[in-house]
C-alpha cells in the first residue's frame, strides 16, 4: 500500500527493519529531500516516437541521488 501511494504521487517509500535505527533512517531521508535540485521533470524526445519511459512519471531529483 505504501509503495503504491508513493508511486502514484511522485513520492518514495522507505522501511525501517527491526535491527535498524529509525533515527538514522529519518536523518538520511531528511538529508536527501532537504536539497531538491529539479522538480516535475519532463523529457522532450522531439520527433522520436517513444512508447515507454521508465520510471514514469520521472521522479524529482535531489542532491545525492
N, C-alpha and C. Protein backbone atom coordinates (compact mmCIF):
# COMPACT_ATOMS: atom_id res chain seq x y z
N UNK A 1 0.83 -1.20 0.00
CA UNK A 1 0.00 0.00 0.00
C UNK A 1 0.87 1.26 0.00
N UNK A 2 1.88 1.29 0.87
CA UNK A 2 2.75 2.46 0.94
C UNK A 2 3.49 2.68 -0.37
N UNK A 3 3.97 1.61 -0.98
CA UNK A 3 4.68 1.73 -2.26
C UNK A 3 3.76 2.28 -3.34
N UNK A 4 2.53 1.81 -3.40
CA UNK A 4 1.58 2.26 -4.41
C UNK A 4 1.24 3.73 -4.22
N UNK A 5 1.00 4.14 -3.00
CA UNK A 5 0.71 5.55 -2.73
C UNK A 5 1.89 6.42 -3.14
N UNK A 6 3.08 6.00 -2.81
CA UNK A 6 4.29 6.76 -3.16
C UNK A 6 4.43 6.90 -4.67
N UNK A 7 4.28 5.81 -5.39
CA UNK A 7 4.43 5.85 -6.85
C UNK A 7 3.36 6.73 -7.49
N UNK A 8 2.13 6.62 -7.02
CA UNK A 8 1.03 7.38 -7.61
C UNK A 8 1.13 8.88 -7.35
N UNK A 9 1.93 9.28 -6.38
CA UNK A 9 2.02 10.70 -6.03
C UNK A 9 3.44 11.23 -6.12
N UNK A 10 4.24 10.63 -6.99
CA UNK A 10 5.61 11.07 -7.26
C UNK A 10 6.47 11.08 -6.00
N UNK A 11 6.24 10.12 -5.14
CA UNK A 11 6.98 10.03 -3.89
C UNK A 11 7.88 8.80 -3.85
N UNK A 12 8.36 8.52 -2.67
CA UNK A 12 9.20 7.35 -2.45
C UNK A 12 8.82 6.75 -1.10
N UNK A 13 8.98 5.46 -1.00
CA UNK A 13 8.70 4.79 0.26
C UNK A 13 9.99 4.24 0.83
N UNK A 14 10.02 4.12 2.12
CA UNK A 14 11.18 3.55 2.78
C UNK A 14 10.73 2.76 4.00
N UNK A 15 11.56 1.85 4.40
CA UNK A 15 11.19 0.97 5.51
C UNK A 15 12.33 0.90 6.51
N UNK A 16 11.97 0.72 7.77
CA UNK A 16 12.95 0.54 8.83
C UNK A 16 12.79 -0.88 9.35
N UNK A 17 13.83 -1.66 9.21
CA UNK A 17 13.79 -3.04 9.71
C UNK A 17 14.03 -3.04 11.21
N UNK A 18 13.59 -4.10 11.89
CA UNK A 18 13.73 -4.14 13.35
C UNK A 18 15.15 -3.91 13.85
N UNK A 19 16.17 -4.37 13.11
CA UNK A 19 17.55 -4.21 13.57
C UNK A 19 18.15 -2.86 13.19
N UNK A 20 17.40 -2.02 12.47
CA UNK A 20 17.91 -0.73 12.03
C UNK A 20 17.48 0.40 12.97
N UNK A 21 18.23 1.47 12.93
CA UNK A 21 17.93 2.64 13.76
C UNK A 21 16.98 3.57 13.01
N UNK A 22 15.84 3.85 13.62
CA UNK A 22 14.89 4.76 12.98
C UNK A 22 15.48 6.17 12.88
N UNK A 23 16.27 6.56 13.87
CA UNK A 23 16.89 7.89 13.84
C UNK A 23 17.80 8.05 12.62
N UNK A 24 18.58 7.04 12.33
CA UNK A 24 19.48 7.10 11.17
C UNK A 24 18.69 7.14 9.86
N UNK A 25 17.63 6.35 9.77
CA UNK A 25 16.80 6.33 8.56
C UNK A 25 16.14 7.68 8.33
N UNK A 26 15.58 8.26 9.38
CA UNK A 26 14.92 9.56 9.25
C UNK A 26 15.93 10.64 8.90
N UNK A 27 17.09 10.62 9.51
CA UNK A 27 18.14 11.59 9.20
C UNK A 27 18.59 11.48 7.75
N UNK A 28 18.76 10.26 7.26
CA UNK A 28 19.17 10.05 5.87
C UNK A 28 18.08 10.53 4.91
N UNK A 29 16.83 10.26 5.24
CA UNK A 29 15.72 10.72 4.41
C UNK A 29 15.68 12.24 4.36
N UNK A 30 15.81 12.88 5.51
CA UNK A 30 15.78 14.34 5.55
C UNK A 30 16.95 14.94 4.78
N UNK A 31 18.12 14.36 4.92
CA UNK A 31 19.29 14.85 4.19
C UNK A 31 19.05 14.77 2.69
N UNK A 32 18.35 13.75 2.24
CA UNK A 32 18.07 13.59 0.81
C UNK A 32 17.04 14.62 0.33
N UNK A 33 15.91 14.72 0.99
CA UNK A 33 14.82 15.56 0.49
C UNK A 33 14.98 17.04 0.82
N UNK A 34 15.92 17.39 1.66
CA UNK A 34 16.09 18.80 2.02
C UNK A 34 16.85 19.58 0.95
N UNK A 35 17.35 18.90 -0.07
CA UNK A 35 18.12 19.58 -1.12
C UNK A 35 17.57 19.21 -2.50
N UNK A 36 16.37 19.73 -2.85
CA UNK A 36 15.84 19.44 -4.18
C UNK A 36 16.62 20.20 -5.25
N UNK A 37 16.86 19.54 -6.37
CA UNK A 37 17.56 20.19 -7.48
C UNK A 37 16.61 20.48 -8.64
N UNK A 38 15.83 19.49 -9.04
CA UNK A 38 14.88 19.65 -10.14
C UNK A 38 13.57 18.96 -9.78
N UNK A 39 12.45 19.59 -10.15
CA UNK A 39 11.14 19.00 -9.87
C UNK A 39 10.30 18.98 -11.14
N UNK A 40 9.34 18.09 -11.18
CA UNK A 40 8.43 17.96 -12.33
C UNK A 40 9.20 17.80 -13.64
N UNK A 41 10.13 16.86 -13.66
CA UNK A 41 10.97 16.64 -14.83
C UNK A 41 10.18 16.11 -16.02
N UNK A 42 10.53 16.59 -17.19
CA UNK A 42 9.96 16.10 -18.44
C UNK A 42 11.09 15.98 -19.45
N UNK A 43 10.98 15.00 -20.34
CA UNK A 43 11.95 14.82 -21.41
C UNK A 43 11.24 15.02 -22.74
N UNK A 44 11.79 15.87 -23.58
CA UNK A 44 11.25 16.11 -24.91
C UNK A 44 12.10 15.32 -25.90
N UNK A 45 11.52 14.32 -26.51
CA UNK A 45 12.24 13.48 -27.46
C UNK A 45 12.14 14.01 -28.89
N UNK A 46 11.57 15.19 -29.05
CA UNK A 46 11.45 15.77 -30.38
C UNK A 46 10.59 14.90 -31.28
N UNK A 47 11.10 14.57 -32.45
CA UNK A 47 10.34 13.79 -33.42
C UNK A 47 10.49 12.29 -33.24
N UNK A 48 11.21 11.87 -32.24
CA UNK A 48 11.40 10.44 -32.00
C UNK A 48 10.15 9.88 -31.32
N UNK A 49 9.61 8.79 -31.88
CA UNK A 49 8.45 8.14 -31.27
C UNK A 49 8.91 7.30 -30.08
N UNK A 50 8.43 7.64 -28.91
CA UNK A 50 8.77 6.93 -27.69
C UNK A 50 7.49 6.38 -27.09
N UNK A 51 7.47 5.08 -26.83
CA UNK A 51 6.27 4.46 -26.27
C UNK A 51 6.31 4.38 -24.75
N UNK A 52 7.46 4.07 -24.20
CA UNK A 52 7.56 3.89 -22.75
C UNK A 52 8.77 4.61 -22.19
N UNK A 53 8.60 5.22 -21.05
CA UNK A 53 9.70 5.83 -20.31
C UNK A 53 9.61 5.28 -18.90
N UNK A 54 10.73 4.84 -18.38
CA UNK A 54 10.75 4.31 -17.02
C UNK A 54 11.83 5.01 -16.23
N UNK A 55 11.59 5.44 -15.04
CA UNK A 55 10.31 5.37 -14.34
C UNK A 55 9.35 6.44 -14.85
N UNK A 56 8.08 6.16 -14.76
CA UNK A 56 7.05 7.11 -15.15
C UNK A 56 6.09 7.28 -14.00
N UNK A 57 5.82 8.46 -13.58
CA UNK A 57 6.45 9.70 -14.02
C UNK A 57 7.87 9.80 -13.51
N UNK A 58 8.65 10.63 -14.17
CA UNK A 58 10.03 10.81 -13.72
C UNK A 58 10.04 11.41 -12.32
N UNK A 59 10.85 10.87 -11.44
CA UNK A 59 10.89 11.40 -10.07
C UNK A 59 11.63 12.73 -10.01
N UNK A 60 11.35 13.49 -8.97
CA UNK A 60 12.12 14.70 -8.72
C UNK A 60 13.56 14.32 -8.44
N UNK A 61 14.47 15.25 -8.66
CA UNK A 61 15.90 14.98 -8.49
C UNK A 61 16.41 15.74 -7.27
N UNK A 62 17.04 15.02 -6.37
CA UNK A 62 17.59 15.61 -5.15
C UNK A 62 19.10 15.45 -5.14
N UNK A 63 19.80 16.32 -4.44
CA UNK A 63 21.25 16.18 -4.30
C UNK A 63 21.56 14.84 -3.66
N UNK A 64 22.53 14.14 -4.20
CA UNK A 64 22.93 12.85 -3.64
C UNK A 64 22.16 11.67 -4.18
N UNK A 65 21.26 11.88 -5.16
CA UNK A 65 20.51 10.75 -5.72
C UNK A 65 21.03 10.39 -7.08
